[in-house]
Amino acid sequence: MTCHDYKDLMMGYLDDELSAEQRGRFEEHLAGCGECAKELEEFKRLKAITDEVTLVEPEDRLWHDYWDNIYNRIERGLGWIVFSVAGILLIIYGGFKLIEELIKDPTVGFLLKAALLALIVGLAIMFVSVLRERVYFWRKDRYRDVRR
């Protein structure tokens, strides 16, 4: 085996994941190869440093401050509002153009025109209904001011 093959075993050696046979061959190689022994020592120091590192969860106060930050709330909310309004306007414009073309087209039957009109009226009624429900429950939501 070459040094390159043994370098692939270094982390397994440090984590005690090698079989007894692999461990014996690796230690035998280390005794005769100063370069691999030096690299192993560097890996040991790096492993010791990374073992001491711990992740710290932010305090609840920091999360509270983050979510209360008006910039974060306004920026994201404004972005969604602009995106939604633009999408709705494009869909409405396209829908009106489509309807206009269908109504002007003499080859389209009356039944298809009536069904299209019924579809549009139904969508408008559902939209107003959902919007009214959302506004009502948003005002009455008991948990609106509950923090995470």
C-alpha atoms as a PDB file:
ATOM      1  CA  MET A   1       0.000   0.000   0.000  1.00  0.00           C
ATOM      2  CA  THR A   2       1.117   3.554  -0.650  1.00  0.00           C
ATOM      3  CA  CYS A   3       1.042   6.548   1.684  1.00  0.00           C
ATOM      4  CA  HIS A   4      -2.032   7.761  -0.190  1.00  0.00           C
ATOM      5  CA  ASP A   5      -3.900   4.586   0.764  1.00  0.00           C
ATOM      6  CA  TYR A   6      -2.936   5.020   4.404  1.00  0.00           C
ATOM      7  CA  LYS A   7      -4.019   8.684   4.409  1.00  0.00           C
ATOM      8  CA  ASP A   8      -7.512   7.497   3.604  1.00  0.00           C
ATOM      9  CA  LEU A   9      -7.440   5.469   6.838  1.00  0.00           C
ATOM     10  CA  MET A  10      -6.276   8.307   9.124  1.00  0.00           C
ATOM     11  CA  MET A  11      -9.716   9.601  10.128  1.00  0.00           C
ATOM     12  CA  GLY A  12     -10.952   6.060  10.670  1.00  0.00           C
ATOM     13  CA  TYR A  13      -7.930   5.470  12.897  1.00  0.00           C
ATOM     14  CA  LEU A  14      -8.630   8.635  14.915  1.00  0.00           C
ATOM     15  CA  ASP A  15     -12.308   7.732  15.291  1.00  0.00           C
ATOM     16  CA  ASP A  16     -11.423   4.120  16.244  1.00  0.00           C
ATOM     17  CA  GLU A  17     -13.366   2.730  13.286  1.00  0.00           C
ATOM     18  CA  LEU A  18     -10.672   0.444  11.823  1.00  0.00           C
ATOM     19  CA  SER A  19     -10.609  -3.285  12.200  1.00  0.00           C
ATOM     20  CA  ALA A  20      -7.778  -4.816  14.259  1.00  0.00           C
ATOM     21  CA  GLU A  21      -5.982  -5.872  11.076  1.00  0.00           C
ATOM     22  CA  GLN A  22      -6.278  -2.415   9.466  1.00  0.00           C
ATOM     23  CA  ARG A  23      -5.206  -0.747  12.692  1.00  0.00           C
ATOM     24  CA  GLY A  24      -2.123  -2.969  12.975  1.00  0.00           C
ATOM     25  CA  ARG A  25      -1.059  -2.324   9.360  1.00  0.00           C
ATOM     26  CA  PHE A  26      -1.656   1.417   9.806  1.00  0.00           C
ATOM     27  CA  GLU A  27       0.424   1.601  13.005  1.00  0.00           C
ATOM     28  CA  GLU A  28       3.166  -0.412  11.288  1.00  0.00           C
ATOM     29  CA  HIS A  29       3.194   2.121   8.446  1.00  0.00           C
ATOM     30  CA  LEU A  30       3.277   5.041  10.901  1.00  0.00           C
ATOM     31  CA  ALA A  31       6.392   3.608  12.571  1.00  0.00           C
ATOM     32  CA  GLY A  32       8.258   3.781   9.256  1.00  0.00           C
ATOM     33  CA  CYS A  33       6.738   6.920   7.681  1.00  0.00           C
ATOM     34  CA  GLY A  34       7.479  10.248   9.342  1.00  0.00           C
ATOM     35  CA  GLU A  35       5.312  12.198   6.902  1.00  0.00           C
ATOM     36  CA  CYS A  36       2.168  10.204   7.732  1.00  0.00           C
ATOM     37  CA  ALA A  37       2.973  10.332  11.470  1.00  0.00           C
ATOM     38  CA  LYS A  38       3.300  14.128  11.260  1.00  0.00           C
ATOM     39  CA  GLU A  39       0.018  14.433   9.347  1.00  0.00           C
ATOM     40  CA  LEU A  40      -1.703  12.192  11.911  1.00  0.00           C
ATOM     41  CA  GLU A  41      -0.526  14.494  14.718  1.00  0.00           C
ATOM     42  CA  GLU A  42      -1.972  17.487  12.865  1.00  0.00           C
ATOM     43  CA  PHE A  43      -5.264  15.650  12.462  1.00  0.00           C
ATOM     44  CA  LYS A  44      -5.229  14.807  16.200  1.00  0.00           C
ATOM     45  CA  ARG A  45      -4.830  18.506  17.073  1.00  0.00           C
ATOM     46  CA  LEU A  46      -7.591  19.455  14.634  1.00  0.00           C
ATOM     47  CA  LYS A  47      -9.889  16.778  16.050  1.00  0.00           C
ATOM     48  CA  ALA A  48      -9.204  17.987  19.601  1.00  0.00           C
ATOM     49  CA  ILE A  49     -10.118  21.542  18.606  1.00  0.00           C
ATOM     50  CA  THR A  50     -13.292  20.527  16.802  1.00  0.00           C
ATOM     51  CA  ASP A  51     -14.354  18.273  19.682  1.00  0.00           C
ATOM     52  CA  GLU A  52     -14.300  21.318  21.972  1.00  0.00           C
ATOM     53  CA  VAL A  53     -16.519  23.386  19.682  1.00  0.00           C
ATOM     54  CA  THR A  54     -20.150  23.529  20.722  1.00  0.00           C
ATOM     55  CA  LEU A  55     -23.061  25.204  19.035  1.00  0.00           C
ATOM     56  CA  VAL A  56     -24.800  27.794  21.125  1.00  0.00           C
ATOM     57  CA  GLU A  57     -28.503  28.363  20.666  1.00  0.00           C
ATOM     58  CA  PRO A  58     -29.422  32.035  20.608  1.00  0.00           C
ATOM     59  CA  GLU A  59     -31.281  33.288  23.635  1.00  0.00           C
ATOM     60  CA  ASP A  60     -35.036  33.699  23.390  1.00  0.00           C
ATOM     61  CA  ARG A  61     -34.518  37.445  23.657  1.00  0.00           C
ATOM     62  CA  LEU A  62     -32.480  37.463  20.447  1.00  0.00           C
ATOM     63  CA  TRP A  63     -35.165  35.547  18.565  1.00  0.00           C
ATOM     64  CA  HIS A  64     -37.796  37.880  19.983  1.00  0.00           C
ATOM     65  CA  ASP A  65     -35.797  40.927  18.874  1.00  0.00           C
ATOM     66  CA  TYR A  66     -35.301  39.435  15.440  1.00  0.00           C
ATOM     67  CA  TRP A  67     -38.979  38.734  14.858  1.00  0.00           C
ATOM     68  CA  ASP A  68     -39.963  42.105  16.274  1.00  0.00           C
ATOM     69  CA  ASN A  69     -37.579  43.901  13.963  1.00  0.00           C
ATOM     70  CA  ILE A  70     -39.836  45.962  11.777  1.00  0.00           C
ATOM     71  CA  TYR A  71     -37.427  45.873   8.874  1.00  0.00           C
ATOM     72  CA  ASN A  72     -37.604  42.079   8.604  1.00  0.00           C
ATOM     73  CA  ARG A  73     -41.379  41.964   8.817  1.00  0.00           C
ATOM     74  CA  ILE A  74     -42.025  44.834   6.428  1.00  0.00           C
ATOM     75  CA  GLU A  75     -39.455  43.728   3.873  1.00  0.00           C
ATOM     76  CA  ARG A  76     -40.805  40.218   3.522  1.00  0.00           C
ATOM     77  CA  GLY A  77     -44.452  41.243   3.795  1.00  0.00           C
ATOM     78  CA  LEU A  78     -44.040  43.984   1.223  1.00  0.00           C
ATOM     79  CA  GLY A  79     -42.272  41.614  -1.140  1.00  0.00           C
ATOM     80  CA  TRP A  80     -45.127  39.091  -0.953  1.00  0.00           C
ATOM     81  CA  ILE A  81     -47.735  41.817  -1.414  1.00  0.00           C
ATOM     82  CA  VAL A  82     -46.030  43.247  -4.512  1.00  0.00           C
ATOM     83  CA  PHE A  83     -45.495  39.754  -5.941  1.00  0.00           C
ATOM     84  CA  SER A  84     -49.117  38.758  -5.306  1.00  0.00           C
ATOM     85  CA  VAL A  85     -50.598  41.958  -6.719  1.00  0.00           C
ATOM     86  CA  ALA A  86     -48.464  41.712  -9.860  1.00  0.00           C
ATOM     87  CA  GLY A  87     -49.451  38.058 -10.334  1.00  0.00           C
ATOM     88  CA  ILE A  88     -53.128  38.798  -9.834  1.00  0.00           C
ATOM     89  CA  LEU A  89     -53.022  41.714 -12.257  1.00  0.00           C
ATOM     90  CA  LEU A  90     -51.305  39.610 -14.911  1.00  0.00           C
ATOM     91  CA  ILE A  91     -53.814  36.804 -14.515  1.00  0.00           C
ATOM     92  CA  ILE A  92     -56.748  39.229 -14.655  1.00  0.00           C
ATOM     93  CA  TYR A  93     -55.355  40.957 -17.741  1.00  0.00           C
ATOM     94  CA  GLY A  94     -54.751  37.648 -19.494  1.00  0.00           C
ATOM     95  CA  GLY A  95     -58.192  36.423 -18.504  1.00  0.00           C
ATOM     96  CA  PHE A  96     -59.896  39.521 -19.880  1.00  0.00           C
ATOM     97  CA  LYS A  97     -57.958  39.257 -23.128  1.00  0.00           C
ATOM     98  CA  LEU A  98     -58.907  35.594 -23.428  1.00  0.00           C
ATOM     99  CA  ILE A  99     -62.557  36.312 -22.695  1.00  0.00           C
ATOM    100  CA  GLU A 100     -62.561  39.219 -25.128  1.00  0.00           C
ATOM    101  CA  GLU A 101     -61.210  36.996 -27.889  1.00  0.00           C
ATOM    102  CA  LEU A 102     -63.696  34.218 -27.105  1.00  0.00           C
ATOM    103  CA  ILE A 103     -66.658  36.592 -27.054  1.00  0.00           C
ATOM    104  CA  LYS A 104     -65.653  38.198 -30.346  1.00  0.00           C
ATOM    105  CA  ASP A 105     -65.077  34.831 -32.008  1.00  0.00           C
ATOM    106  CA  PRO A 106     -68.271  33.824 -33.875  1.00  0.00           C
ATOM    107  CA  THR A 107     -67.204  30.187 -34.043  1.00  0.00           C
ATOM    108  CA  VAL A 108     -67.404  29.782 -30.257  1.00  0.00           C
ATOM    109  CA  GLY A 109     -70.812  28.525 -29.172  1.00  0.00           C
ATOM    110  CA  PHE A 110     -73.150  30.242 -26.741  1.00  0.00           C
ATOM    111  CA  LEU A 111     -72.877  27.375 -24.252  1.00  0.00           C
ATOM    112  CA  LEU A 112     -69.086  27.763 -23.980  1.00  0.00           C
ATOM    113  CA  LYS A 113     -69.451  31.512 -23.507  1.00  0.00           C
ATOM    114  CA  ALA A 114     -72.069  30.996 -20.756  1.00  0.00           C
ATOM    115  CA  ALA A 115     -69.885  28.371 -19.028  1.00  0.00           C
ATOM    116  CA  LEU A 116     -66.907  30.715 -19.114  1.00  0.00           C
ATOM    117  CA  LEU A 117     -68.977  33.524 -17.607  1.00  0.00           C
ATOM    118  CA  ALA A 118     -70.239  31.169 -14.871  1.00  0.00           C
ATOM    119  CA  LEU A 119     -66.661  30.090 -14.137  1.00  0.00           C
ATOM    120  CA  ILE A 120     -65.516  33.688 -13.737  1.00  0.00           C
ATOM    121  CA  VAL A 121     -68.464  34.617 -11.524  1.00  0.00           C
ATOM    122  CA  GLY A 122     -67.877  31.531  -9.368  1.00  0.00           C
ATOM    123  CA  LEU A 123     -64.170  32.327  -8.952  1.00  0.00           C
ATOM    124  CA  ALA A 124     -64.988  35.922  -8.015  1.00  0.00           C
ATOM    125  CA  ILE A 125     -67.514  34.777  -5.385  1.00  0.00           C
ATOM    126  CA  MET A 126     -65.039  32.270  -3.889  1.00  0.00           C
ATOM    127  CA  PHE A 127     -62.269  34.887  -3.812  1.00  0.00           C
ATOM    128  CA  VAL A 128     -64.456  37.422  -1.993  1.00  0.00           C
ATOM    129  CA  SER A 129     -65.666  34.715   0.411  1.00  0.00           C
ATOM    130  CA  VAL A 130     -62.148  33.547   1.308  1.00  0.00           C
ATOM    131  CA  LEU A 131     -60.902  37.125   1.644  1.00  0.00           C
ATOM    132  CA  ARG A 132     -63.810  38.031   3.948  1.00  0.00           C
ATOM    133  CA  GLU A 133     -63.192  34.916   6.076  1.00  0.00           C
ATOM    134  CA  ARG A 134     -59.461  35.663   6.367  1.00  0.00           C
ATOM    135  CA  VAL A 135     -60.076  39.244   7.466  1.00  0.00           C
ATOM    136  CA  TYR A 136     -62.701  38.133  10.005  1.00  0.00           C
ATOM    137  CA  PHE A 137     -60.477  35.457  11.578  1.00  0.00           C
ATOM    138  CA  TRP A 138     -57.394  37.679  11.492  1.00  0.00           C
ATOM    139  CA  ARG A 139     -59.227  40.233  13.653  1.00  0.00           C
ATOM    140  CA  LYS A 140     -60.622  37.576  16.026  1.00  0.00           C
ATOM    141  CA  ASP A 141     -57.474  35.426  16.341  1.00  0.00           C
ATOM    142  CA  ARG A 142     -56.737  34.958  20.057  1.00  0.00           C
ATOM    143  CA  TYR A 143     -53.215  33.720  19.360  1.00  0.00           C
ATOM    144  CA  ARG A 144     -52.133  36.496  17.013  1.00  0.00           C
ATOM    145  CA  ASP A 145     -49.831  38.088  19.585  1.00  0.00           C
ATOM    146  CA  VAL A 146     -48.442  34.842  21.003  1.00  0.00           C
ATOM    147  CA  ARG A 147     -44.659  34.667  20.663  1.00  0.00           C
ATOM    148  CA  ARG A 148     -42.718  31.521  19.801  1.00  0.00           C
END
